[in-house]
Amino acid sequence: TGSGSSNAGGNPPPVTIHTWLERVNKKKPNSFEKATVPVEAEN
């Protein structure tokens, strides 16, 4: 493990995932697609 979160035996709270999703949505979905496009293009 060693995820850096000592909660629920290593299971991060749903708040973390929710906050991450909200941040990604606020950062424009383009960022997510742009990060995945180069990976597939290199294939």
PDB file of N, CA and C in Angstrom:
ATOM      1  N   THR A   1       0.855  -1.203   0.000  1.00  0.00           N
ATOM      2  CA  THR A   1       0.000   0.000   0.000  1.00  0.00           C
ATOM      3  C   THR A   1       0.884   1.243   0.000  1.00  0.00           C
ATOM      4  N   GLY A   2       0.852   2.052   1.062  1.00  0.00           N
ATOM      5  CA  GLY A   2       1.680   3.259   1.081  1.00  0.00           C
ATOM      6  C   GLY A   2       1.104   4.298   0.133  1.00  0.00           C
ATOM      7  N   SER A   3      -0.206   4.462   0.182  1.00  0.00           N
ATOM      8  CA  SER A   3      -0.850   5.437  -0.713  1.00  0.00           C
ATOM      9  C   SER A   3      -0.725   6.837  -0.115  1.00  0.00           C
ATOM     10  N   GLY A   4      -0.320   6.932   1.125  1.00  0.00           N
ATOM     11  CA  GLY A   4      -0.184   8.257   1.750  1.00  0.00           C
ATOM     12  C   GLY A   4      -1.463   8.663   2.454  1.00  0.00           C
ATOM     13  N   SER A   5      -2.433   7.733   2.604  1.00  0.00           N
ATOM     14  CA  SER A   5      -3.672   8.104   3.316  1.00  0.00           C
ATOM     15  C   SER A   5      -3.963   7.047   4.346  1.00  0.00           C
ATOM     16  N   SER A   6      -3.934   7.388   5.628  1.00  0.00           N
ATOM     17  CA  SER A   6      -4.220   6.410   6.696  1.00  0.00           C
ATOM     18  C   SER A   6      -5.688   6.503   7.081  1.00  0.00           C
ATOM     19  N   ASN A   7      -6.570   6.168   6.185  1.00  0.00           N
ATOM     20  CA  ASN A   7      -8.018   6.262   6.460  1.00  0.00           C
ATOM     21  C   ASN A   7      -8.703   4.950   6.105  1.00  0.00           C
ATOM     22  N   ALA A   8      -9.674   4.543   6.872  1.00  0.00           N
ATOM     23  CA  ALA A   8     -10.453   3.325   6.551  1.00  0.00           C
ATOM     24  C   ALA A   8      -9.535   2.216   6.059  1.00  0.00           C
ATOM     25  N   GLY A   9      -8.440   1.994   6.723  1.00  0.00           N
ATOM     26  CA  GLY A   9      -7.552   0.883   6.339  1.00  0.00           C
ATOM     27  C   GLY A   9      -7.023   1.024   4.923  1.00  0.00           C
ATOM     28  N   GLY A  10      -6.754   2.241   4.485  1.00  0.00           N
ATOM     29  CA  GLY A  10      -6.163   2.414   3.156  1.00  0.00           C
ATOM     30  C   GLY A  10      -7.206   2.753   2.106  1.00  0.00           C
ATOM     31  N   ASN A  11      -8.470   2.806   2.506  1.00  0.00           N
ATOM     32  CA  ASN A  11      -9.516   3.157   1.526  1.00  0.00           C
ATOM     33  C   ASN A  11      -9.847   4.644   1.649  1.00  0.00           C
ATOM     34  N   PRO A  12      -9.426   5.450   0.702  1.00  0.00           N
ATOM     35  CA  PRO A  12      -9.681   6.895   0.763  1.00  0.00           C
ATOM     36  C   PRO A  12     -11.173   7.195   0.781  1.00  0.00           C
ATOM     37  N   PRO A  13     -11.568   8.243   1.476  1.00  0.00           N
ATOM     38  CA  PRO A  13     -12.980   8.630   1.570  1.00  0.00           C
ATOM     39  C   PRO A  13     -13.523   9.052   0.212  1.00  0.00           C
ATOM     40  N   PRO A  14     -14.829   8.918  -0.003  1.00  0.00           N
ATOM     41  CA  PRO A  14     -15.457   9.300  -1.273  1.00  0.00           C
ATOM     42  C   PRO A  14     -15.288  10.785  -1.563  1.00  0.00           C
ATOM     43  N   VAL A  15     -15.031  11.551  -0.498  1.00  0.00           N
ATOM     44  CA  VAL A  15     -14.870  12.998  -0.691  1.00  0.00           C
ATOM     45  C   VAL A  15     -13.662  13.264  -1.587  1.00  0.00           C
ATOM     46  N   THR A  16     -12.602  12.485  -1.401  1.00  0.00           N
ATOM     47  CA  THR A  16     -11.399  12.691  -2.212  1.00  0.00           C
ATOM     48  C   THR A  16     -11.702  12.451  -3.683  1.00  0.00           C
ATOM     49  N   ILE A  17     -12.390  11.373  -3.970  1.00  0.00           N
ATOM     50  CA  ILE A  17     -12.721  11.059  -5.366  1.00  0.00           C
ATOM     51  C   ILE A  17     -13.664  12.120  -5.930  1.00  0.00           C
ATOM     52  N   HIS A  18     -14.619  12.531  -5.105  1.00  0.00           N
ATOM     53  CA  HIS A  18     -15.588  13.531  -5.564  1.00  0.00           C
ATOM     54  C   HIS A  18     -14.872  14.843  -5.874  1.00  0.00           C
ATOM     55  N   THR A  19     -13.955  15.218  -4.982  1.00  0.00           N
ATOM     56  CA  THR A  19     -13.221  16.472  -5.185  1.00  0.00           C
ATOM     57  C   THR A  19     -12.363  16.379  -6.434  1.00  0.00           C
ATOM     58  N   TRP A  20     -11.758  15.213  -6.642  1.00  0.00           N
ATOM     59  CA  TRP A  20     -10.894  15.042  -7.822  1.00  0.00           C
ATOM     60  C   TRP A  20     -11.726  15.161  -9.096  1.00  0.00           C
ATOM     61  N   LEU A  21     -12.896  14.515  -9.087  1.00  0.00           N
ATOM     62  CA  LEU A  21     -13.774  14.568 -10.268  1.00  0.00           C
ATOM     63  C   LEU A  21     -14.224  16.003 -10.520  1.00  0.00           C
ATOM     64  N   GLU A  22     -14.556  16.697  -9.438  1.00  0.00           N
ATOM     65  CA  GLU A  22     -15.022  18.085  -9.596  1.00  0.00           C
ATOM     66  C   GLU A  22     -13.886  18.946 -10.133  1.00  0.00           C
ATOM     67  N   ARG A  23     -12.678  18.671  -9.675  1.00  0.00           N
ATOM     68  CA  ARG A  23     -11.527  19.469 -10.137  1.00  0.00           C
ATOM     69  C   ARG A  23     -11.277  19.202 -11.615  1.00  0.00           C
ATOM     70  N   VAL A  24     -11.398  17.976 -12.021  1.00  0.00           N
ATOM     71  CA  VAL A  24     -11.173  17.621 -13.428  1.00  0.00           C
ATOM     72  C   VAL A  24     -12.230  18.288 -14.303  1.00  0.00           C
ATOM     73  N   ASN A  25     -13.455  18.294 -13.812  1.00  0.00           N
ATOM     74  CA  ASN A  25     -14.551  18.906 -14.580  1.00  0.00           C
ATOM     75  C   ASN A  25     -14.342  20.414 -14.674  1.00  0.00           C
ATOM     76  N   LYS A  26     -13.820  20.995 -13.601  1.00  0.00           N
ATOM     77  CA  LYS A  26     -13.601  22.450 -13.598  1.00  0.00           C
ATOM     78  C   LYS A  26     -12.372  22.794 -14.438  1.00  0.00           C
ATOM     79  N   LYS A  27     -11.465  21.833 -14.561  1.00  0.00           N
ATOM     80  CA  LYS A  27     -10.233  22.083 -15.338  1.00  0.00           C
ATOM     81  C   LYS A  27     -10.472  21.845 -16.826  1.00  0.00           C
ATOM     82  N   LYS A  28     -11.730  21.708 -17.212  1.00  0.00           N
ATOM     83  CA  LYS A  28     -12.063  21.446 -18.622  1.00  0.00           C
ATOM     84  C   LYS A  28     -11.736  19.995 -18.984  1.00  0.00           C
ATOM     85  N   PRO A  29     -12.699  19.288 -19.530  1.00  0.00           N
ATOM     86  CA  PRO A  29     -12.506  17.884 -19.933  1.00  0.00           C
ATOM     87  C   PRO A  29     -11.439  17.752 -21.015  1.00  0.00           C
ATOM     88  N   ASN A  30     -11.146  18.852 -21.696  1.00  0.00           N
ATOM     89  CA  ASN A  30     -10.129  18.809 -22.754  1.00  0.00           C
ATOM     90  C   ASN A  30      -8.796  18.333 -22.196  1.00  0.00           C
ATOM     91  N   SER A  31      -8.485  18.758 -20.979  1.00  0.00           N
ATOM     92  CA  SER A  31      -7.212  18.375 -20.358  1.00  0.00           C
ATOM     93  C   SER A  31      -7.131  16.852 -20.267  1.00  0.00           C
ATOM     94  N   PHE A  32      -8.237  16.232 -19.891  1.00  0.00           N
ATOM     95  CA  PHE A  32      -8.240  14.770 -19.737  1.00  0.00           C
ATOM     96  C   PHE A  32      -8.052  14.099 -21.094  1.00  0.00           C
ATOM     97  N   GLU A  33      -8.767  14.602 -22.091  1.00  0.00           N
ATOM     98  CA  GLU A  33      -8.666  13.999 -23.429  1.00  0.00           C
ATOM     99  C   GLU A  33      -7.279  14.236 -24.008  1.00  0.00           C
ATOM    100  N   LYS A  34      -6.745  15.418 -23.803  1.00  0.00           N
ATOM    101  CA  LYS A  34      -5.417  15.736 -24.350  1.00  0.00           C
ATOM    102  C   LYS A  34      -4.361  14.834 -23.723  1.00  0.00           C
ATOM    103  N   ALA A  35      -4.586  14.433 -22.480  1.00  0.00           N
ATOM    104  CA  ALA A  35      -3.608  13.581 -21.793  1.00  0.00           C
ATOM    105  C   ALA A  35      -3.726  12.143 -22.281  1.00  0.00           C
ATOM    106  N   THR A  36      -4.890  11.796 -22.805  1.00  0.00           N
ATOM    107  CA  THR A  36      -5.083  10.422 -23.289  1.00  0.00           C
ATOM    108  C   THR A  36      -4.798  10.322 -24.784  1.00  0.00           C
ATOM    109  N   VAL A  37      -4.984  11.395 -25.500  1.00  0.00           N
ATOM    110  CA  VAL A  37      -4.762  11.382 -26.957  1.00  0.00           C
ATOM    111  C   VAL A  37      -3.312  11.045 -27.291  1.00  0.00           C
ATOM    112  N   PRO A  38      -2.344  11.754 -26.710  1.00  0.00           N
ATOM    113  CA  PRO A  38      -0.933  11.475 -27.031  1.00  0.00           C
ATOM    114  C   PRO A  38      -0.560  10.025 -26.751  1.00  0.00           C
ATOM    115  N   VAL A  39      -1.129   9.439 -25.729  1.00  0.00           N
ATOM    116  CA  VAL A  39      -0.795   8.049 -25.391  1.00  0.00           C
ATOM    117  C   VAL A  39      -1.238   7.122 -26.515  1.00  0.00           C
ATOM    118  N   GLU A  40      -2.428   7.367 -27.027  1.00  0.00           N
ATOM    119  CA  GLU A  40      -2.943   6.502 -28.104  1.00  0.00           C
ATOM    120  C   GLU A  40      -2.239   6.828 -29.419  1.00  0.00           C
ATOM    121  N   ALA A  41      -1.894   8.076 -29.620  1.00  0.00           N
ATOM    122  CA  ALA A  41      -1.248   8.481 -30.869  1.00  0.00           C
ATOM    123  C   ALA A  41       0.142   7.847 -30.953  1.00  0.00           C
ATOM    124  N   GLU A  42       0.789   7.713 -29.801  1.00  0.00           N
ATOM    125  CA  GLU A  42       2.139   7.124 -29.798  1.00  0.00           C
ATOM    126  C   GLU A  42       2.070   5.638 -30.109  1.00  0.00           C
ATOM    127  N   ASN A  43       0.933   5.022 -29.851  1.00  0.00           N
ATOM    128  CA  ASN A  43       0.814   3.584 -30.089  1.00  0.00           C
ATOM    129  C   ASN A  43       0.997   3.324 -31.566  1.00  0.00           C
TER     130      ASN A  43
END
